[in-house]
Amino acid sequence: MSNGLTRFLGDTPGRTALKLLVASFVVGVVMAAFNWYPVDILYIVRDFLVNLWETGFAALGRFGGYLVLGAGVVIPVFIIMRLLSLRR
């Protein structure tokens, strides 16, 4: 069981918890510096859906634009991460 959990987490549970704690702190500091809060994500999604409904489905073009814009960052990062993991 412990071996499966370690394999799932990618490291021991203690080390994973410590890494998540440090990452959470850093992200929290950055979000506080920009005055961002997690609930803002819900407001953004709600506003997007209301705007989609109010402006008709012309907003779907913006969704596609967001998708392409995000993919321009996510896909190369994914490929680089996969290439770097092949060296192991």
C-alpha atoms as a PDB file:
ATOM      1  CA  MET A   1       0.000   0.000   0.000  1.00  0.00           C
ATOM      2  CA  SER A   2       2.728   2.442   0.947  1.00  0.00           C
ATOM      3  CA  ASN A   3       4.642   1.600  -2.230  1.00  0.00           C
ATOM      4  CA  GLY A   4       1.546   2.296  -4.341  1.00  0.00           C
ATOM      5  CA  LEU A   5       0.945   5.579  -2.531  1.00  0.00           C
ATOM      6  CA  THR A   6       4.559   6.609  -3.000  1.00  0.00           C
ATOM      7  CA  ARG A   7       4.348   5.736  -6.686  1.00  0.00           C
ATOM      8  CA  PHE A   8       1.114   7.733  -7.033  1.00  0.00           C
ATOM      9  CA  LEU A   9       2.532  10.793  -5.264  1.00  0.00           C
ATOM     10  CA  GLY A  10       5.905  10.591  -6.989  1.00  0.00           C
ATOM     11  CA  ASP A  11       7.753  10.770  -3.674  1.00  0.00           C
ATOM     12  CA  THR A  12       7.187   9.869  -0.053  1.00  0.00           C
ATOM     13  CA  PRO A  13       4.031  11.322   1.490  1.00  0.00           C
ATOM     14  CA  GLY A  14       6.012  13.536   3.870  1.00  0.00           C
ATOM     15  CA  ARG A  15       8.202  15.021   1.154  1.00  0.00           C
ATOM     16  CA  THR A  16       5.196  15.507  -1.108  1.00  0.00           C
ATOM     17  CA  ALA A  17       3.327  17.291   1.682  1.00  0.00           C
ATOM     18  CA  LEU A  18       6.335  19.555   2.290  1.00  0.00           C
ATOM     19  CA  LYS A  19       6.634  20.378  -1.424  1.00  0.00           C
ATOM     20  CA  LEU A  20       2.911  21.168  -1.608  1.00  0.00           C
ATOM     21  CA  LEU A  21       3.199  23.344   1.497  1.00  0.00           C
ATOM     22  CA  VAL A  22       6.070  25.367   0.013  1.00  0.00           C
ATOM     23  CA  ALA A  23       4.354  25.676  -3.383  1.00  0.00           C
ATOM     24  CA  SER A  24       1.102  26.753  -1.699  1.00  0.00           C
ATOM     25  CA  PHE A  25       2.952  29.420   0.274  1.00  0.00           C
ATOM     26  CA  VAL A  26       4.698  30.794  -2.828  1.00  0.00           C
ATOM     27  CA  VAL A  27       1.490  30.838  -4.865  1.00  0.00           C
ATOM     28  CA  GLY A  28      -0.317  32.477  -1.943  1.00  0.00           C
ATOM     29  CA  VAL A  29       2.292  35.235  -1.738  1.00  0.00           C
ATOM     30  CA  VAL A  30       2.070  35.876  -5.489  1.00  0.00           C
ATOM     31  CA  MET A  31      -1.729  35.884  -5.436  1.00  0.00           C
ATOM     32  CA  ALA A  32      -1.752  38.275  -2.472  1.00  0.00           C
ATOM     33  CA  ALA A  33       0.714  40.573  -4.252  1.00  0.00           C
ATOM     34  CA  PHE A  34      -1.651  40.803  -7.240  1.00  0.00           C
ATOM     35  CA  ASN A  35      -4.739  40.902  -4.997  1.00  0.00           C
ATOM     36  CA  TRP A  36      -6.134  37.701  -6.548  1.00  0.00           C
ATOM     37  CA  TYR A  37      -8.391  35.343  -4.637  1.00  0.00           C
ATOM     38  CA  PRO A  38      -9.611  31.829  -5.502  1.00  0.00           C
ATOM     39  CA  VAL A  39     -13.232  32.979  -5.487  1.00  0.00           C
ATOM     40  CA  ASP A  40     -12.329  35.315  -8.356  1.00  0.00           C
ATOM     41  CA  ILE A  41     -12.040  32.226 -10.570  1.00  0.00           C
ATOM     42  CA  LEU A  42     -15.681  31.420  -9.854  1.00  0.00           C
ATOM     43  CA  TYR A  43     -16.660  34.996 -10.685  1.00  0.00           C
ATOM     44  CA  ILE A  44     -14.706  34.844 -13.934  1.00  0.00           C
ATOM     45  CA  VAL A  45     -16.452  31.618 -14.960  1.00  0.00           C
ATOM     46  CA  ARG A  46     -19.853  33.017 -13.957  1.00  0.00           C
ATOM     47  CA  ASP A  47     -19.237  36.262 -15.829  1.00  0.00           C
ATOM     48  CA  PHE A  48     -18.089  34.323 -18.892  1.00  0.00           C
ATOM     49  CA  LEU A  49     -21.268  32.229 -18.909  1.00  0.00           C
ATOM     50  CA  VAL A  50     -23.513  35.270 -18.380  1.00  0.00           C
ATOM     51  CA  ASN A  51     -21.666  37.125 -21.114  1.00  0.00           C
ATOM     52  CA  LEU A  52     -22.012  34.096 -23.388  1.00  0.00           C
ATOM     53  CA  TRP A  53     -25.740  34.055 -22.808  1.00  0.00           C
ATOM     54  CA  GLU A  54     -26.185  37.827 -23.169  1.00  0.00           C
ATOM     55  CA  THR A  55     -24.106  38.322 -26.303  1.00  0.00           C
ATOM     56  CA  GLY A  56     -25.377  35.216 -28.027  1.00  0.00           C
ATOM     57  CA  PHE A  57     -22.905  32.627 -29.068  1.00  0.00           C
ATOM     58  CA  ALA A  58     -20.449  35.061 -30.620  1.00  0.00           C
ATOM     59  CA  ALA A  59     -18.482  34.651 -27.399  1.00  0.00           C
ATOM     60  CA  LEU A  60     -17.636  31.107 -28.505  1.00  0.00           C
ATOM     61  CA  GLY A  61     -15.094  32.683 -30.824  1.00  0.00           C
ATOM     62  CA  ARG A  62     -13.431  34.222 -27.785  1.00  0.00           C
ATOM     63  CA  PHE A  63     -13.462  30.823 -26.093  1.00  0.00           C
ATOM     64  CA  GLY A  64     -11.654  29.376 -29.088  1.00  0.00           C
ATOM     65  CA  GLY A  65      -9.197  32.260 -28.910  1.00  0.00           C
ATOM     66  CA  TYR A  66      -8.583  31.561 -25.236  1.00  0.00           C
ATOM     67  CA  LEU A  67      -8.147  27.897 -26.061  1.00  0.00           C
ATOM     68  CA  VAL A  68      -5.555  28.611 -28.749  1.00  0.00           C
ATOM     69  CA  LEU A  69      -3.801  31.176 -26.559  1.00  0.00           C
ATOM     70  CA  GLY A  70      -3.566  28.737 -23.661  1.00  0.00           C
ATOM     71  CA  ALA A  71      -2.510  25.878 -25.919  1.00  0.00           C
ATOM     72  CA  GLY A  72       0.344  28.038 -27.178  1.00  0.00           C
ATOM     73  CA  VAL A  73       1.814  27.830 -23.683  1.00  0.00           C
ATOM     74  CA  VAL A  74       0.546  24.492 -22.378  1.00  0.00           C
ATOM     75  CA  ILE A  75       1.480  22.273 -25.334  1.00  0.00           C
ATOM     76  CA  PRO A  76       5.160  23.342 -25.550  1.00  0.00           C
ATOM     77  CA  VAL A  77       5.554  23.060 -21.772  1.00  0.00           C
ATOM     78  CA  PHE A  78       3.995  19.586 -21.882  1.00  0.00           C
ATOM     79  CA  ILE A  79       6.316  18.486 -24.694  1.00  0.00           C
ATOM     80  CA  ILE A  80       9.379  19.857 -22.889  1.00  0.00           C
ATOM     81  CA  MET A  81       8.369  18.116 -19.648  1.00  0.00           C
ATOM     82  CA  ARG A  82       7.842  14.821 -21.476  1.00  0.00           C
ATOM     83  CA  LEU A  83      11.200  15.131 -23.246  1.00  0.00           C
ATOM     84  CA  LEU A  84      12.959  15.855 -19.971  1.00  0.00           C
ATOM     85  CA  SER A  85      11.281  12.871 -18.306  1.00  0.00           C
ATOM     86  CA  LEU A  86      12.565  10.571 -21.064  1.00  0.00           C
ATOM     87  CA  ARG A  87      16.132  11.111 -19.848  1.00  0.00           C
ATOM     88  CA  ARG A  88      15.385   9.286 -16.597  1.00  0.00           C
END
